[in-house]
Amino acid sequence: MTLFPEWQAFDIAQDLIDRTGRGYFEDRFDIYAECFLIPHEFETFDGLRRIAHIDELRTLYDRMRNFHVMNGITGLHRRVVAARFVDEDLIQSTHESRHITAGSQLGTPYVAMSNLQRIDGAWKIARGLYATPNTPGHRQVFAVGTPVERKS
């Protein structure tokens, strides 16, 4: 097994979060959607959920865009802080997110961890763990898909 250099894992992870951000702020669901593997699993403080269909991903996207508008968020500053190849087709990455409004930061930054999987030559976000603020607005955004019971 040949693993690629660590910097390449950083570049792949940064590209995916940059493209999802562009999708949000350019109102381009197509750009956003091409970054995700479906089914997609994500976890927040409220638990683990699975998105099984593109319409559920669209609901998540629409709720996040609405959250941005309702809170005056005009941008996201997201940067990869760690990324590594687990194997040739799997990267684990961590990034920090900051909401930007009128040129300044809104609230505190939060961390997200992702599993990125290469499918047919394209890298996709397969799973995410988001340490977003535990606010009603964030909980509403992420209340999409099907709750998944953890196996003990």
N, C-alpha and C. Protein backbone atom coordinates (compact mmCIF):
# COMPACT_ATOMS: atom_id res chain seq x y z
N MET A 1 0.85 -1.18 0.00
CA MET A 1 0.00 0.00 0.00
C MET A 1 0.89 1.24 0.00
N THR A 2 0.63 2.14 -0.93
CA THR A 2 1.37 3.39 -1.03
C THR A 2 0.50 4.52 -0.51
N LEU A 3 0.97 5.18 0.55
CA LEU A 3 0.23 6.32 1.07
C LEU A 3 0.82 7.60 0.50
N PHE A 4 -0.04 8.57 0.29
CA PHE A 4 0.38 9.84 -0.24
C PHE A 4 0.94 10.70 0.88
N PRO A 5 1.67 11.75 0.56
CA PRO A 5 2.22 12.61 1.62
C PRO A 5 1.12 13.30 2.42
N GLU A 6 1.43 13.59 3.68
CA GLU A 6 0.46 14.21 4.59
C GLU A 6 -0.08 15.52 4.04
N TRP A 7 0.76 16.32 3.40
CA TRP A 7 0.28 17.60 2.88
C TRP A 7 -0.85 17.40 1.87
N GLN A 8 -0.84 16.26 1.16
CA GLN A 8 -1.89 16.02 0.19
C GLN A 8 -3.22 15.74 0.90
N ALA A 9 -3.19 15.08 2.05
CA ALA A 9 -4.41 14.87 2.84
C ALA A 9 -4.97 16.22 3.27
N PHE A 10 -4.10 17.15 3.72
CA PHE A 10 -4.53 18.50 4.09
C PHE A 10 -5.20 19.19 2.91
N ASP A 11 -4.57 19.12 1.73
CA ASP A 11 -5.11 19.80 0.55
C ASP A 11 -6.48 19.24 0.15
N ILE A 12 -6.64 17.94 0.20
CA ILE A 12 -7.92 17.31 -0.15
C ILE A 12 -9.00 17.75 0.83
N ALA A 13 -8.68 17.70 2.12
CA ALA A 13 -9.65 18.09 3.14
C ALA A 13 -10.03 19.57 3.02
N GLN A 14 -9.04 20.43 2.81
CA GLN A 14 -9.32 21.87 2.68
C GLN A 14 -10.17 22.14 1.44
N ASP A 15 -9.87 21.46 0.35
CA ASP A 15 -10.66 21.64 -0.87
C ASP A 15 -12.13 21.30 -0.63
N LEU A 16 -12.40 20.21 0.06
CA LEU A 16 -13.80 19.82 0.32
C LEU A 16 -14.53 20.86 1.18
N ILE A 17 -13.89 21.34 2.24
CA ILE A 17 -14.60 22.32 3.08
C ILE A 17 -14.72 23.67 2.37
N ASP A 18 -13.75 24.01 1.53
CA ASP A 18 -13.86 25.25 0.74
C ASP A 18 -15.03 25.14 -0.25
N ARG A 19 -15.17 23.99 -0.89
CA ARG A 19 -16.25 23.81 -1.87
C ARG A 19 -17.62 23.81 -1.20
N THR A 20 -17.75 23.18 -0.03
CA THR A 20 -19.05 23.20 0.64
C THR A 20 -19.39 24.63 1.05
N GLY A 21 -18.41 25.39 1.51
CA GLY A 21 -18.63 26.80 1.85
C GLY A 21 -19.06 27.61 0.64
N ARG A 22 -18.40 27.39 -0.49
CA ARG A 22 -18.81 28.07 -1.73
C ARG A 22 -20.25 27.73 -2.07
N GLY A 23 -20.60 26.46 -1.91
CA GLY A 23 -21.98 26.05 -2.20
C GLY A 23 -22.98 26.83 -1.38
N TYR A 24 -22.67 27.02 -0.09
CA TYR A 24 -23.57 27.79 0.79
C TYR A 24 -23.72 29.23 0.31
N PHE A 25 -22.60 29.90 0.12
CA PHE A 25 -22.64 31.34 -0.09
C PHE A 25 -22.85 31.76 -1.54
N GLU A 26 -22.76 30.80 -2.45
CA GLU A 26 -23.11 31.08 -3.85
C GLU A 26 -24.48 30.49 -4.19
N ASP A 27 -25.18 29.96 -3.19
CA ASP A 27 -26.48 29.32 -3.38
C ASP A 27 -26.40 28.27 -4.48
N ARG A 28 -25.43 27.36 -4.31
CA ARG A 28 -25.17 26.31 -5.30
C ARG A 28 -25.20 24.95 -4.62
N PHE A 29 -26.39 24.40 -4.50
CA PHE A 29 -26.53 23.08 -3.89
C PHE A 29 -25.73 22.03 -4.66
N ASP A 30 -25.62 22.17 -5.97
CA ASP A 30 -24.88 21.20 -6.77
C ASP A 30 -23.42 21.10 -6.33
N ILE A 31 -22.78 22.23 -6.05
CA ILE A 31 -21.40 22.23 -5.58
C ILE A 31 -21.30 21.55 -4.22
N TYR A 32 -22.22 21.89 -3.34
CA TYR A 32 -22.28 21.33 -2.00
C TYR A 32 -22.49 19.81 -2.05
N ALA A 33 -23.51 19.38 -2.80
CA ALA A 33 -23.90 17.97 -2.83
C ALA A 33 -22.81 17.06 -3.38
N GLU A 34 -22.04 17.55 -4.34
CA GLU A 34 -21.01 16.69 -4.93
C GLU A 34 -19.89 16.37 -3.94
N CYS A 35 -19.87 17.04 -2.80
CA CYS A 35 -18.84 16.81 -1.79
C CYS A 35 -19.20 15.71 -0.80
N PHE A 36 -20.43 15.20 -0.84
CA PHE A 36 -20.90 14.25 0.17
C PHE A 36 -21.18 12.88 -0.42
N LEU A 37 -20.82 11.88 0.35
CA LEU A 37 -21.19 10.50 0.06
C LEU A 37 -22.54 10.24 0.70
N ILE A 38 -23.45 9.66 -0.06
CA ILE A 38 -24.75 9.28 0.50
C ILE A 38 -24.85 7.77 0.37
N PRO A 39 -25.13 7.04 1.45
CA PRO A 39 -25.54 7.58 2.74
C PRO A 39 -24.38 8.30 3.44
N HIS A 40 -24.76 9.26 4.25
CA HIS A 40 -23.82 10.08 5.01
C HIS A 40 -24.24 10.05 6.47
N GLU A 41 -23.27 9.87 7.35
CA GLU A 41 -23.56 9.91 8.78
C GLU A 41 -22.87 11.10 9.41
N PHE A 42 -23.56 11.72 10.37
CA PHE A 42 -22.95 12.81 11.11
C PHE A 42 -23.42 12.75 12.56
N GLU A 43 -22.59 13.29 13.42
CA GLU A 43 -22.89 13.28 14.85
C GLU A 43 -22.69 14.67 15.42
N THR A 44 -23.64 15.05 16.29
CA THR A 44 -23.55 16.29 17.06
C THR A 44 -23.78 15.91 18.51
N PHE A 45 -23.88 16.91 19.38
CA PHE A 45 -24.16 16.63 20.79
C PHE A 45 -25.52 15.97 20.97
N ASP A 46 -26.39 16.09 19.98
CA ASP A 46 -27.72 15.47 20.05
C ASP A 46 -27.74 14.03 19.56
N GLY A 47 -26.63 13.51 19.07
CA GLY A 47 -26.57 12.11 18.67
C GLY A 47 -26.15 11.92 17.22
N LEU A 48 -26.19 10.67 16.82
CA LEU A 48 -25.78 10.24 15.49
C LEU A 48 -27.00 10.18 14.57
N ARG A 49 -26.83 10.68 13.33
CA ARG A 49 -27.92 10.66 12.36
C ARG A 49 -27.38 10.19 11.01
N ARG A 50 -28.29 9.65 10.20
CA ARG A 50 -27.92 9.18 8.86
C ARG A 50 -28.79 9.86 7.82
N ILE A 51 -28.13 10.40 6.82
CA ILE A 51 -28.80 10.95 5.65
C ILE A 51 -28.71 9.87 4.57
N ALA A 52 -29.88 9.38 4.15
CA ALA A 52 -29.92 8.26 3.20
C ALA A 52 -30.30 8.69 1.79
N HIS A 53 -30.81 9.92 1.62
CA HIS A 53 -31.30 10.37 0.32
C HIS A 53 -30.86 11.80 0.06
N ILE A 54 -30.74 12.13 -1.20
CA ILE A 54 -30.32 13.48 -1.59
C ILE A 54 -31.28 14.54 -1.09
N ASP A 55 -32.58 14.23 -0.97
CA ASP A 55 -33.52 15.24 -0.49
C ASP A 55 -33.27 15.57 0.98
N GLU A 56 -32.77 14.61 1.76
CA GLU A 56 -32.41 14.90 3.15
C GLU A 56 -31.17 15.79 3.21
N LEU A 57 -30.21 15.55 2.31
CA LEU A 57 -29.04 16.43 2.24
C LEU A 57 -29.47 17.83 1.85
N ARG A 58 -30.43 17.94 0.94
CA ARG A 58 -30.95 19.24 0.54
C ARG A 58 -31.60 19.96 1.71
N THR A 59 -32.32 19.22 2.56
CA THR A 59 -32.94 19.82 3.74
C THR A 59 -31.86 20.36 4.68
N LEU A 60 -30.80 19.60 4.90
CA LEU A 60 -29.69 20.06 5.74
C LEU A 60 -29.09 21.33 5.17
N TYR A 61 -28.83 21.34 3.89
CA TYR A 61 -28.27 22.51 3.19
C TYR A 61 -29.18 23.73 3.35
N ASP A 62 -30.47 23.55 3.08
CA ASP A 62 -31.42 24.66 3.18
C ASP A 62 -31.50 25.20 4.60
N ARG A 63 -31.51 24.32 5.59
CA ARG A 63 -31.55 24.76 6.98
C ARG A 63 -30.29 25.53 7.36
N MET A 64 -29.14 25.08 6.88
CA MET A 64 -27.90 25.79 7.19
C MET A 64 -27.88 27.16 6.51
N ARG A 65 -28.31 27.23 5.27
CA ARG A 65 -28.38 28.53 4.59
C ARG A 65 -29.33 29.47 5.32
N ASN A 66 -30.47 28.96 5.77
CA ASN A 66 -31.42 29.77 6.52
C ASN A 66 -30.80 30.24 7.84
N PHE A 67 -30.07 29.36 8.51
CA PHE A 67 -29.38 29.72 9.75
C PHE A 67 -28.41 30.87 9.49
N HIS A 68 -27.68 30.80 8.39
CA HIS A 68 -26.74 31.87 8.03
C HIS A 68 -27.48 33.19 7.85
N VAL A 69 -28.56 33.17 7.10
CA VAL A 69 -29.32 34.40 6.83
C VAL A 69 -29.89 34.96 8.14
N MET A 70 -30.53 34.12 8.93
CA MET A 70 -31.18 34.55 10.17
C MET A 70 -30.18 35.13 11.18
N ASN A 71 -28.92 34.72 11.10
CA ASN A 71 -27.91 35.19 12.04
C ASN A 71 -26.92 36.18 11.43
N GLY A 72 -27.21 36.63 10.21
CA GLY A 72 -26.34 37.62 9.56
C GLY A 72 -24.97 37.09 9.21
N ILE A 73 -24.85 35.80 9.05
CA ILE A 73 -23.55 35.20 8.73
C ILE A 73 -23.27 35.39 7.24
N THR A 74 -22.17 36.05 6.96
CA THR A 74 -21.83 36.36 5.57
C THR A 74 -20.65 35.54 5.07
N GLY A 75 -20.07 34.74 5.93
CA GLY A 75 -18.95 33.90 5.51
C GLY A 75 -18.57 32.90 6.58
N LEU A 76 -17.78 31.94 6.15
CA LEU A 76 -17.21 30.94 7.05
C LEU A 76 -15.70 30.98 6.88
N HIS A 77 -15.00 30.94 7.97
CA HIS A 77 -13.56 30.75 7.90
C HIS A 77 -13.29 29.36 8.46
N ARG A 78 -12.90 28.45 7.58
CA ARG A 78 -12.64 27.08 8.01
C ARG A 78 -11.25 26.68 7.54
N ARG A 79 -10.51 26.10 8.48
CA ARG A 79 -9.16 25.67 8.11
C ARG A 79 -8.89 24.29 8.70
N VAL A 80 -8.25 23.48 7.91
CA VAL A 80 -7.87 22.13 8.35
C VAL A 80 -6.73 22.27 9.35
N VAL A 81 -6.87 21.60 10.48
CA VAL A 81 -5.82 21.62 11.50
C VAL A 81 -5.09 20.28 11.59
N ALA A 82 -5.70 19.22 11.08
CA ALA A 82 -5.06 17.91 11.05
C ALA A 82 -5.69 17.08 9.94
N ALA A 83 -4.87 16.30 9.26
CA ALA A 83 -5.37 15.39 8.22
C ALA A 83 -4.32 14.30 8.00
N ARG A 84 -4.82 13.08 7.84
CA ARG A 84 -3.89 11.97 7.58
C ARG A 84 -4.59 10.90 6.77
N PHE A 85 -3.80 10.22 5.95
CA PHE A 85 -4.30 9.08 5.22
C PHE A 85 -4.34 7.88 6.16
N VAL A 86 -5.49 7.22 6.23
CA VAL A 86 -5.61 5.96 6.95
C VAL A 86 -5.23 4.84 6.00
N ASP A 87 -5.70 4.96 4.77
CA ASP A 87 -5.27 4.11 3.67
C ASP A 87 -5.43 4.94 2.39
N GLU A 88 -5.23 4.33 1.24
CA GLU A 88 -5.25 5.10 -0.01
C GLU A 88 -6.60 5.75 -0.31
N ASP A 89 -7.66 5.22 0.27
CA ASP A 89 -8.99 5.72 -0.03
C ASP A 89 -9.72 6.31 1.17
N LEU A 90 -9.01 6.58 2.25
CA LEU A 90 -9.64 7.12 3.46
C LEU A 90 -8.71 8.12 4.13
N ILE A 91 -9.26 9.30 4.39
CA ILE A 91 -8.54 10.36 5.11
C ILE A 91 -9.37 10.70 6.34
N GLN A 92 -8.71 10.88 7.47
CA GLN A 92 -9.34 11.44 8.65
C GLN A 92 -8.84 12.86 8.77
N SER A 93 -9.77 13.80 8.97
CA SER A 93 -9.36 15.20 9.06
C SER A 93 -10.11 15.91 10.17
N THR A 94 -9.52 16.99 10.63
CA THR A 94 -10.13 17.87 11.63
C THR A 94 -9.99 19.29 11.13
N HIS A 95 -11.10 20.05 11.23
CA HIS A 95 -11.01 21.46 10.87
C HIS A 95 -11.73 22.31 11.90
N GLU A 96 -11.34 23.56 11.92
CA GLU A 96 -11.94 24.55 12.82
C GLU A 96 -12.79 25.49 11.98
N SER A 97 -13.99 25.79 12.48
CA SER A 97 -14.91 26.68 11.77
C SER A 97 -15.21 27.93 12.58
N ARG A 98 -15.28 29.04 11.89
CA ARG A 98 -15.66 30.31 12.49
C ARG A 98 -16.71 30.96 11.60
N HIS A 99 -17.80 31.39 12.21
CA HIS A 99 -18.83 32.13 11.47
C HIS A 99 -18.41 33.59 11.43
N ILE A 100 -18.54 34.19 10.25
CA ILE A 100 -18.15 35.58 10.03
C ILE A 100 -19.40 36.39 9.71
N THR A 101 -19.52 37.55 10.37
CA THR A 101 -20.62 38.47 10.09
C THR A 101 -20.07 39.88 10.11
N ALA A 102 -20.35 40.64 9.08
CA ALA A 102 -19.90 42.03 8.96
C ALA A 102 -18.41 42.17 9.28
N GLY A 103 -17.62 41.22 8.80
CA GLY A 103 -16.17 41.29 8.95
C GLY A 103 -15.62 40.86 10.30
N SER A 104 -16.47 40.42 11.21
CA SER A 104 -15.95 39.96 12.50
C SER A 104 -16.51 38.56 12.81
N GLN A 105 -15.91 37.94 13.78
CA GLN A 105 -16.30 36.59 14.15
C GLN A 105 -17.56 36.60 15.01
N LEU A 106 -18.49 35.70 14.71
CA LEU A 106 -19.72 35.55 15.49
C LEU A 106 -19.57 34.31 16.37
N GLY A 107 -19.67 34.48 17.67
CA GLY A 107 -19.58 33.34 18.58
C GLY A 107 -18.18 32.76 18.65
N THR A 108 -18.11 31.57 19.18
CA THR A 108 -16.81 30.91 19.34
C THR A 108 -16.60 29.91 18.21
N PRO A 109 -15.34 29.65 17.86
CA PRO A 109 -15.08 28.64 16.82
C PRO A 109 -15.48 27.26 17.33
N TYR A 110 -15.73 26.36 16.41
CA TYR A 110 -16.01 24.98 16.78
C TYR A 110 -15.21 24.05 15.87
N VAL A 111 -15.05 22.82 16.34
CA VAL A 111 -14.24 21.84 15.65
C VAL A 111 -15.13 20.79 15.00
N ALA A 112 -14.71 20.32 13.86
CA ALA A 112 -15.39 19.21 13.18
C ALA A 112 -14.34 18.19 12.74
N MET A 113 -14.70 16.94 12.86
CA MET A 113 -13.83 15.86 12.37
C MET A 113 -14.58 15.13 11.27
N SER A 114 -13.86 14.72 10.25
CA SER A 114 -14.50 14.07 9.11
C SER A 114 -13.71 12.86 8.63
N ASN A 115 -14.45 11.89 8.13
CA ASN A 115 -13.86 10.80 7.36
C ASN A 115 -14.13 11.11 5.90
N LEU A 116 -13.09 11.19 5.12
CA LEU A 116 -13.18 11.48 3.70
C LEU A 116 -12.85 10.21 2.95
N GLN A 117 -13.71 9.84 2.02
CA GLN A 117 -13.53 8.58 1.31
C GLN A 117 -13.43 8.84 -0.17
N ARG A 118 -12.50 8.13 -0.82
CA ARG A 118 -12.37 8.25 -2.27
C ARG A 118 -13.25 7.19 -2.93
N ILE A 119 -14.17 7.65 -3.75
CA ILE A 119 -15.09 6.78 -4.48
C ILE A 119 -14.94 7.09 -5.97
N ASP A 120 -14.56 6.09 -6.74
CA ASP A 120 -14.38 6.27 -8.19
C ASP A 120 -13.50 7.48 -8.51
N GLY A 121 -12.45 7.67 -7.73
CA GLY A 121 -11.49 8.73 -7.97
C GLY A 121 -11.85 10.08 -7.38
N ALA A 122 -13.04 10.22 -6.82
CA ALA A 122 -13.47 11.51 -6.25
C ALA A 122 -13.55 11.41 -4.73
N TRP A 123 -13.03 12.42 -4.04
CA TRP A 123 -13.08 12.45 -2.58
C TRP A 123 -14.42 13.02 -2.12
N LYS A 124 -15.01 12.35 -1.13
CA LYS A 124 -16.32 12.73 -0.59
C LYS A 124 -16.26 12.73 0.94
N ILE A 125 -17.08 13.54 1.55
CA ILE A 125 -17.23 13.53 3.00
C ILE A 125 -18.20 12.40 3.33
N ALA A 126 -17.71 11.37 4.01
CA ALA A 126 -18.52 10.19 4.30
C ALA A 126 -19.15 10.25 5.68
N ARG A 127 -18.46 10.88 6.61
CA ARG A 127 -18.93 10.93 7.99
C ARG A 127 -18.38 12.18 8.65
N GLY A 128 -19.19 12.82 9.50
CA GLY A 128 -18.74 14.01 10.20
C GLY A 128 -19.13 13.98 11.67
N LEU A 129 -18.32 14.61 12.46
CA LEU A 129 -18.57 14.78 13.89
C LEU A 129 -18.39 16.27 14.16
N TYR A 130 -19.50 16.94 14.55
CA TYR A 130 -19.50 18.40 14.66
C TYR A 130 -19.69 18.83 16.11
N ALA A 131 -18.74 19.56 16.64
CA ALA A 131 -18.84 20.09 18.00
C ALA A 131 -19.38 21.51 17.94
N THR A 132 -20.52 21.68 17.26
CA THR A 132 -21.15 22.98 17.12
C THR A 132 -21.71 23.44 18.46
N PRO A 133 -21.89 24.73 18.62
CA PRO A 133 -22.53 25.19 19.86
C PRO A 133 -23.89 24.49 20.04
N ASN A 134 -24.19 24.13 21.26
CA ASN A 134 -25.43 23.39 21.55
C ASN A 134 -26.58 24.39 21.76
N THR A 135 -26.94 25.08 20.67
CA THR A 135 -27.99 26.09 20.71
C THR A 135 -29.23 25.57 19.98
N PRO A 136 -30.41 26.14 20.27
CA PRO A 136 -31.61 25.71 19.54
C PRO A 136 -31.46 25.84 18.03
N GLY A 137 -30.82 26.90 17.56
CA GLY A 137 -30.64 27.09 16.12
C GLY A 137 -29.82 25.98 15.49
N HIS A 138 -28.71 25.63 16.12
CA HIS A 138 -27.88 24.55 15.59
C HIS A 138 -28.60 23.21 15.68
N ARG A 139 -29.30 22.98 16.79
CA ARG A 139 -30.03 21.71 16.92
C ARG A 139 -31.07 21.57 15.81
N GLN A 140 -31.75 22.67 15.47
CA GLN A 140 -32.75 22.61 14.40
C GLN A 140 -32.11 22.32 13.05
N VAL A 141 -30.98 22.94 12.78
CA VAL A 141 -30.28 22.71 11.52
C VAL A 141 -29.97 21.23 11.34
N PHE A 142 -29.45 20.61 12.39
CA PHE A 142 -28.97 19.23 12.28
C PHE A 142 -30.03 18.18 12.57
N ALA A 143 -31.27 18.57 12.81
CA ALA A 143 -32.34 17.61 13.06
C ALA A 143 -32.91 17.12 11.73
N VAL A 144 -32.09 16.46 10.96
CA VAL A 144 -32.46 15.96 9.64
C VAL A 144 -31.91 14.54 9.51
N GLY A 145 -32.53 13.76 8.66
CA GLY A 145 -32.11 12.38 8.50
C GLY A 145 -32.72 11.51 9.58
N THR A 146 -32.19 10.32 9.72
CA THR A 146 -32.72 9.33 10.65
C THR A 146 -31.76 9.17 11.83
N PRO A 147 -32.28 9.28 13.06
CA PRO A 147 -31.42 9.01 14.22
C PRO A 147 -30.92 7.56 14.18
N VAL A 148 -29.66 7.36 14.55
CA VAL A 148 -29.05 6.03 14.55
C VAL A 148 -28.71 5.66 15.98
N GLU A 149 -29.15 4.48 16.39
CA GLU A 149 -28.82 3.97 17.73
C GLU A 149 -27.38 3.50 17.73
N ARG A 150 -26.67 3.85 18.77
CA ARG A 150 -25.29 3.36 18.92
C ARG A 150 -25.30 1.92 19.38
N LYS A 151 -24.42 1.14 18.79
CA LYS A 151 -24.28 -0.25 19.22
C LYS A 151 -23.32 -0.30 20.40
N SER A 152 -23.72 -0.99 21.43
CA SER A 152 -22.86 -1.07 22.64
C SER A 152 -21.73 -2.04 22.47
